[in-house]
Amino acid sequence: MPEEKSILVDEEAARREQARRALEGTDWTNKRETEERAKTVQEQIVAIEKKLAELRQQKEKLELAWVDLDDRKKSVRLILNPLLDEEKKLETEEMKLETEESSIGIPESKHAIEIKRWPIQEKRKEIEQKKWQEEEKVIAIDQIVESNTKAYRVLLAEEDKLMAESDKLRLENGQQ
């Protein structure tokens, strides 16, 4: 039943369009169709520009997030770099003691050097723990940046597609 009604409505609309064309004549029909096309194109352009504005807002959010993440990464690096320096210094000290210990043949002397090495090893382990915590923060920040970068590039592709579509519509409509 609804299909019959739809068919009747379509047939009536087609008959009215036929009547309008016959009454308008060719010149008026062409003028009306040109105006309707121009109006439709303008509406499409407005819709595209609205989507572009939304994309620009999304891009701006990702740009601001990048700035924030970069600042956070820099502050983590400020903590991490001295830890790396301290770790390197302790490793060097530990290697010196190991070299000294291996060159000594007397067990008592070796034991004395080993006792000196223990606090250095403990301090190095403590530094390594702190370093790993900070490195995990850097990794987490980098993962977020990578995810945001992918999302940003998707937005760029969408923006490019919409701009090309807008340019095409403007050219078809004789706009610039």
Protein backbone atom coordinates (compact mmCIF):
# COMPACT_ATOMS: atom_id res chain seq x y z
CA MET A 1 0.00 0.00 0.00
CA PRO A 2 2.72 2.59 0.87
CA GLU A 3 4.54 1.68 -2.36
CA GLU A 4 1.45 2.52 -4.44
CA LYS A 5 1.18 5.88 -2.69
CA SER A 6 4.87 6.59 -3.34
CA ILE A 7 4.49 5.69 -7.01
CA LEU A 8 1.48 7.99 -7.30
CA VAL A 9 3.37 10.86 -5.63
CA ASP A 10 6.35 10.32 -7.97
CA GLU A 11 4.10 10.25 -11.02
CA GLU A 12 2.35 13.42 -9.88
CA ALA A 13 5.68 15.19 -9.30
CA ALA A 14 6.87 14.14 -12.76
CA ARG A 15 3.63 15.44 -14.34
CA ARG A 16 3.95 18.75 -12.46
CA GLU A 17 7.57 19.09 -13.63
CA GLN A 18 6.42 18.41 -17.19
CA ALA A 19 3.73 21.07 -16.82
CA ARG A 20 6.18 23.59 -15.35
CA ARG A 21 8.60 23.08 -18.27
CA ALA A 22 5.83 23.45 -20.80
CA LEU A 23 4.52 26.62 -19.15
CA GLU A 24 7.96 28.16 -18.54
CA GLY A 25 9.40 27.54 -21.95
CA THR A 26 13.05 26.75 -22.67
CA ASP A 27 14.59 30.05 -21.59
CA TRP A 28 12.86 30.21 -18.22
CA THR A 29 13.46 26.50 -17.56
CA ASN A 30 17.18 26.89 -18.29
CA LYS A 31 17.38 29.99 -16.08
CA ARG A 32 15.53 28.27 -13.20
CA GLU A 33 17.67 25.11 -13.47
CA THR A 34 20.88 27.18 -13.53
CA GLU A 35 19.77 29.09 -10.42
CA GLU A 36 18.79 25.85 -8.67
CA ARG A 37 22.17 24.29 -9.52
CA ALA A 38 23.99 27.40 -8.28
CA LYS A 39 21.99 27.33 -5.05
CA THR A 40 22.69 23.61 -4.55
CA VAL A 41 26.41 24.11 -5.22
CA GLN A 42 26.52 27.04 -2.80
CA GLU A 43 24.81 24.92 -0.12
CA GLN A 44 27.36 22.16 -0.73
CA ILE A 45 30.22 24.65 -0.45
CA VAL A 46 28.82 26.00 2.83
CA ALA A 47 28.51 22.43 4.18
CA ILE A 48 32.10 21.69 3.15
CA GLU A 49 33.36 24.88 4.78
CA LYS A 50 31.56 23.92 7.99
CA LYS A 51 33.29 20.51 7.93
CA LEU A 52 36.61 22.23 7.24
CA ALA A 53 36.13 24.50 10.25
CA GLU A 54 35.44 21.43 12.42
CA LEU A 55 38.56 19.74 11.06
CA ARG A 56 40.63 22.83 11.82
CA GLN A 57 39.37 22.78 15.42
CA GLN A 58 40.30 19.10 15.75
CA LYS A 59 43.74 19.82 14.29
CA GLU A 60 44.23 22.71 16.71
CA LYS A 61 43.41 20.43 19.67
CA LEU A 62 46.01 17.94 18.46
CA GLU A 63 48.56 20.73 17.96
CA LEU A 64 47.97 22.01 21.49
CA ALA A 65 48.22 18.46 22.83
CA TRP A 66 51.55 18.07 21.02
CA VAL A 67 52.88 21.25 22.64
CA ASP A 68 51.79 20.01 26.07
CA LEU A 69 53.29 16.55 25.49
CA ASP A 70 56.54 18.07 24.22
CA ASP A 71 56.76 20.21 27.37
CA ARG A 72 56.09 17.15 29.54
CA LYS A 73 58.75 15.19 27.67
CA LYS A 74 61.27 18.00 28.18
CA SER A 75 60.57 18.07 31.92
CA VAL A 76 61.03 14.29 32.11
CA ARG A 77 64.29 14.66 30.19
CA LEU A 78 65.45 17.22 32.77
CA ILE A 79 65.05 14.51 35.40
CA LEU A 80 66.35 11.70 33.22
CA ASN A 81 69.57 13.26 31.91
CA PRO A 82 71.24 13.72 35.34
CA LEU A 83 70.25 10.14 36.19
CA LEU A 84 71.95 8.91 33.01
CA ASP A 85 75.06 10.93 33.84
CA GLU A 86 75.11 9.58 37.40
CA GLU A 87 74.59 6.02 36.15
CA LYS A 88 77.50 6.38 33.71
CA LYS A 89 79.73 7.77 36.46
CA LEU A 90 78.86 4.88 38.80
CA GLU A 91 79.42 2.30 36.06
CA THR A 92 82.86 3.79 35.39
CA GLU A 93 83.71 3.66 39.10
CA GLU A 94 82.49 0.09 39.31
CA MET A 95 84.55 -0.95 36.29
CA LYS A 96 87.67 0.65 37.79
CA LEU A 97 87.18 -1.34 40.99
CA GLU A 98 86.56 -4.55 39.03
CA THR A 99 89.73 -3.98 37.01
CA GLU A 100 91.67 -3.28 40.19
CA GLU A 101 90.21 -6.37 41.86
CA SER A 102 91.09 -8.63 38.92
CA SER A 103 94.69 -7.39 38.93
CA ILE A 104 95.17 -8.17 42.63
CA GLY A 105 96.10 -11.71 43.60
CA ILE A 106 95.63 -11.43 47.38
CA PRO A 107 92.13 -12.52 48.49
CA GLU A 108 91.99 -10.08 51.42
CA SER A 109 92.69 -7.14 49.14
CA LYS A 110 90.15 -8.42 46.64
CA HIS A 111 87.58 -8.64 49.39
CA ALA A 112 88.28 -5.05 50.49
CA ILE A 113 87.76 -3.82 46.93
CA GLU A 114 84.59 -5.87 46.58
CA ILE A 115 83.23 -4.28 49.76
CA LYS A 116 83.90 -0.83 48.20
CA ARG A 117 82.05 -1.92 45.07
CA TRP A 118 78.84 -3.01 46.85
CA PRO A 119 77.54 0.47 47.76
CA ILE A 120 78.35 1.64 44.24
CA GLN A 121 76.33 -1.26 42.81
CA GLU A 122 73.43 -0.49 45.14
CA LYS A 123 73.48 3.17 44.19
CA ARG A 124 73.62 2.23 40.48
CA LYS A 125 70.62 -0.10 40.89
CA GLU A 126 68.70 2.69 42.62
CA ILE A 127 69.59 5.11 39.81
CA GLU A 128 68.57 2.50 37.20
CA GLN A 129 65.17 2.11 38.85
CA LYS A 130 64.58 5.85 38.72
CA LYS A 131 65.90 5.98 35.15
CA TRP A 132 63.50 3.20 34.05
CA GLN A 133 60.55 5.02 35.59
CA GLU A 134 61.42 8.19 33.70
CA GLU A 135 62.09 6.29 30.48
CA GLU A 136 58.65 4.67 30.77
CA LYS A 137 57.15 8.15 30.99
CA VAL A 138 59.00 9.16 27.82
CA ILE A 139 57.79 6.01 26.05
CA ALA A 140 54.19 6.68 27.12
CA ILE A 141 54.43 10.27 25.87
CA ASP A 142 55.95 9.10 22.58
CA GLN A 143 53.10 6.62 22.11
CA ILE A 144 50.51 9.36 22.60
CA VAL A 145 52.38 11.63 20.19
CA GLU A 146 52.50 8.83 17.61
CA SER A 147 48.77 8.18 17.98
CA ASN A 148 48.00 11.91 17.71
CA THR A 149 50.26 12.19 14.67
CA LYS A 150 48.31 9.45 12.90
CA ALA A 151 45.01 11.14 13.79
CA TYR A 152 46.36 14.51 12.60
CA ARG A 153 47.40 13.03 9.26
CA VAL A 154 43.95 11.51 8.80
CA LEU A 155 42.52 14.99 9.39
CA LEU A 156 44.96 16.46 6.86
CA ALA A 157 43.88 13.93 4.24
CA GLU A 158 40.21 14.67 4.94
CA GLU A 159 40.87 18.41 4.81
CA ASP A 160 42.70 18.03 1.49
CA LYS A 161 39.83 15.96 0.07
CA LEU A 162 37.23 18.52 1.18
CA MET A 163 39.24 21.45 -0.20
CA ALA A 164 39.58 19.70 -3.56
CA GLU A 165 35.85 19.03 -3.57
CA SER A 166 35.14 22.68 -2.74
CA ASP A 167 37.51 23.89 -5.47
CA LYS A 168 35.84 21.57 -7.99
CA LEU A 169 32.37 22.84 -7.05
CA ARG A 170 33.53 26.45 -7.29
CA LEU A 171 35.02 25.86 -10.72
CA GLU A 172 31.87 24.14 -11.94
CA ASN A 173 29.82 27.03 -10.64
CA GLY A 174 32.14 29.66 -12.13
CA GLN A 175 33.34 30.91 -8.72
CA GLN A 176 36.85 31.42 -7.50
